[in-house]
C-alpha atoms as a PDB file:
ATOM      1  CA  MET A   1      -1.451  -0.533   4.164  1.00  0.00           C
ATOM      2  CA  SER A   2      -3.982   1.585   2.342  1.00  0.00           C
ATOM      3  CA  LEU A   3      -7.493   0.484   1.470  1.00  0.00           C
ATOM      4  CA  LYS A   4      -6.673   0.664  -2.240  1.00  0.00           C
ATOM      5  CA  THR A   5      -3.729  -1.705  -1.809  1.00  0.00           C
ATOM      6  CA  ARG A   6      -5.843  -4.184   0.179  1.00  0.00           C
ATOM      7  CA  ARG A   7      -8.526  -4.132  -2.513  1.00  0.00           C
ATOM      8  CA  GLU A   8      -5.970  -4.785  -5.240  1.00  0.00           C
ATOM      9  CA  ILE A   9      -4.506  -7.683  -3.263  1.00  0.00           C
ATOM     10  CA  ALA A  10      -7.999  -9.121  -2.742  1.00  0.00           C
ATOM     11  CA  PHE A  11      -8.759  -8.673  -6.458  1.00  0.00           C
ATOM     12  CA  TRP A  12      -5.673 -10.573  -7.567  1.00  0.00           C
ATOM     13  CA  PHE A  13      -6.162 -13.217  -4.868  1.00  0.00           C
ATOM     14  CA  MET A  14      -9.720 -13.912  -6.007  1.00  0.00           C
ATOM     15  CA  LEU A  15      -8.632 -13.972  -9.644  1.00  0.00           C
ATOM     16  CA  LEU A  16      -5.872 -16.483  -8.892  1.00  0.00           C
ATOM     17  CA  VAL A  17      -8.205 -18.636  -6.799  1.00  0.00           C
ATOM     18  CA  GLY A  18     -10.672 -18.748  -9.689  1.00  0.00           C
ATOM     19  CA  ILE A  19      -7.944 -19.688 -12.148  1.00  0.00           C
ATOM     20  CA  GLY A  20      -6.652 -22.323  -9.726  1.00  0.00           C
ATOM     21  CA  ILE A  21     -10.085 -23.915  -9.358  1.00  0.00           C
ATOM     22  CA  MET A  22     -10.548 -23.982 -13.120  1.00  0.00           C
ATOM     23  CA  LEU A  23      -7.100 -25.563 -13.605  1.00  0.00           C
ATOM     24  CA  ILE A  24      -7.967 -28.283 -11.099  1.00  0.00           C
ATOM     25  CA  GLN A  25     -11.298 -28.888 -12.841  1.00  0.00           C
ATOM     26  CA  PHE A  26      -9.571 -29.023 -16.234  1.00  0.00           C
ATOM     27  CA  TYR A  27      -6.980 -31.489 -14.924  1.00  0.00           C
ATOM     28  CA  ARG A  28      -9.741 -33.693 -13.506  1.00  0.00           C
ATOM     29  CA  TYR A  29     -11.547 -33.517 -16.859  1.00  0.00           C
ATOM     30  CA  ALA A  30      -8.386 -34.379 -18.792  1.00  0.00           C
ATOM     31  CA  THR A  31      -7.641 -37.385 -16.559  1.00  0.00           C
ATOM     32  CA  ASN A  32     -11.289 -38.497 -16.682  1.00  0.00           C
ATOM     33  CA  THR A  33     -11.793 -38.216 -12.903  1.00  0.00           C
ATOM     34  CA  LEU A  34     -14.299 -35.373 -13.032  1.00  0.00           C
ATOM     35  CA  SER A  35     -17.729 -36.443 -11.838  1.00  0.00           C
ATOM     36  CA  TYR A  36     -20.659 -34.623 -13.369  1.00  0.00           C
ATOM     37  CA  THR A  37     -22.547 -33.665 -10.220  1.00  0.00           C
ATOM     38  CA  THR A  38     -24.225 -30.568  -8.878  1.00  0.00           C
ATOM     39  CA  ALA A  39     -21.241 -29.887  -6.611  1.00  0.00           C
ATOM     40  CA  GLU A  40     -18.890 -29.820  -9.596  1.00  0.00           C
ATOM     41  CA  MET A  41     -21.202 -27.419 -11.408  1.00  0.00           C
ATOM     42  CA  ILE A  42     -21.314 -25.136  -8.372  1.00  0.00           C
ATOM     43  CA  MET A  43     -17.498 -25.155  -8.182  1.00  0.00           C
ATOM     44  CA  ASN A  44     -17.318 -24.156 -11.849  1.00  0.00           C
ATOM     45  CA  VAL A  45     -19.797 -21.320 -11.331  1.00  0.00           C
ATOM     46  CA  ILE A  46     -17.825 -20.066  -8.323  1.00  0.00           C
ATOM     47  CA  ALA A  47     -14.552 -20.217 -10.263  1.00  0.00           C
ATOM     48  CA  VAL A  48     -16.018 -18.338 -13.215  1.00  0.00           C
ATOM     49  CA  ALA A  49     -17.508 -15.725 -10.875  1.00  0.00           C
ATOM     50  CA  PHE A  50     -14.124 -15.262  -9.199  1.00  0.00           C
ATOM     51  CA  MET A  51     -12.448 -14.782 -12.561  1.00  0.00           C
ATOM     52  CA  ILE A  52     -15.027 -12.553 -14.253  1.00  0.00           C
ATOM     53  CA  PHE A  53     -16.603 -10.579 -11.386  1.00  0.00           C
ATOM     54  CA  PRO A  54     -14.026 -10.262  -8.575  1.00  0.00           C
ATOM     55  CA  ARG A  55     -14.711  -6.564  -7.990  1.00  0.00           C
ATOM     56  CA  PHE A  56     -18.472  -7.140  -7.826  1.00  0.00           C
ATOM     57  CA  ILE A  57     -17.993  -9.909  -5.260  1.00  0.00           C
ATOM     58  CA  LEU A  58     -15.638  -7.715  -3.219  1.00  0.00           C
ATOM     59  CA  ASN A  59     -18.109  -4.814  -3.289  1.00  0.00           C
ATOM     60  CA  MET A  60     -20.984  -7.063  -2.174  1.00  0.00           C
ATOM     61  CA  ALA A  61     -18.880  -8.484   0.665  1.00  0.00           C
ATOM     62  CA  GLU A  62     -17.912  -4.954   1.737  1.00  0.00           C
ATOM     63  CA  LYS A  63     -21.573  -3.881   1.786  1.00  0.00           C
ATOM     64  CA  VAL A  64     -22.554  -6.895   3.894  1.00  0.00           C
ATOM     65  CA  ILE A  65     -19.732  -6.295   6.358  1.00  0.00           C
ATOM     66  CA  THR A  66     -20.451  -2.583   6.743  1.00  0.00           C
ATOM     67  CA  LYS A  67     -24.177  -3.298   7.121  1.00  0.00           C
ATOM     68  CA  LYS A  68     -23.457  -5.753   9.948  1.00  0.00           C
ATOM     69  CA  ASN A  69     -21.129  -3.255  11.647  1.00  0.00           C
ATOM     70  CA  GLU A  70     -23.801  -0.552  11.572  1.00  0.00           C
ATOM     71  CA  ASN A  71     -26.303  -2.751  13.422  1.00  0.00           C
END
């Protein structure tokens, strides 16, 4: 499997995870079981980041991994 294919799979996986988290949060809001805590806010920020910036997150993770491998 080529590197390009793996990146595309990771992109779509992160996008779907973000959408899934937001759907769960929306369902909890609609059924009035969503608690307004810091943890819920962090989950929303993570979901939005996964949906809007998946390539940026993948690039940062790749830089961290390659930096660790060099040391």
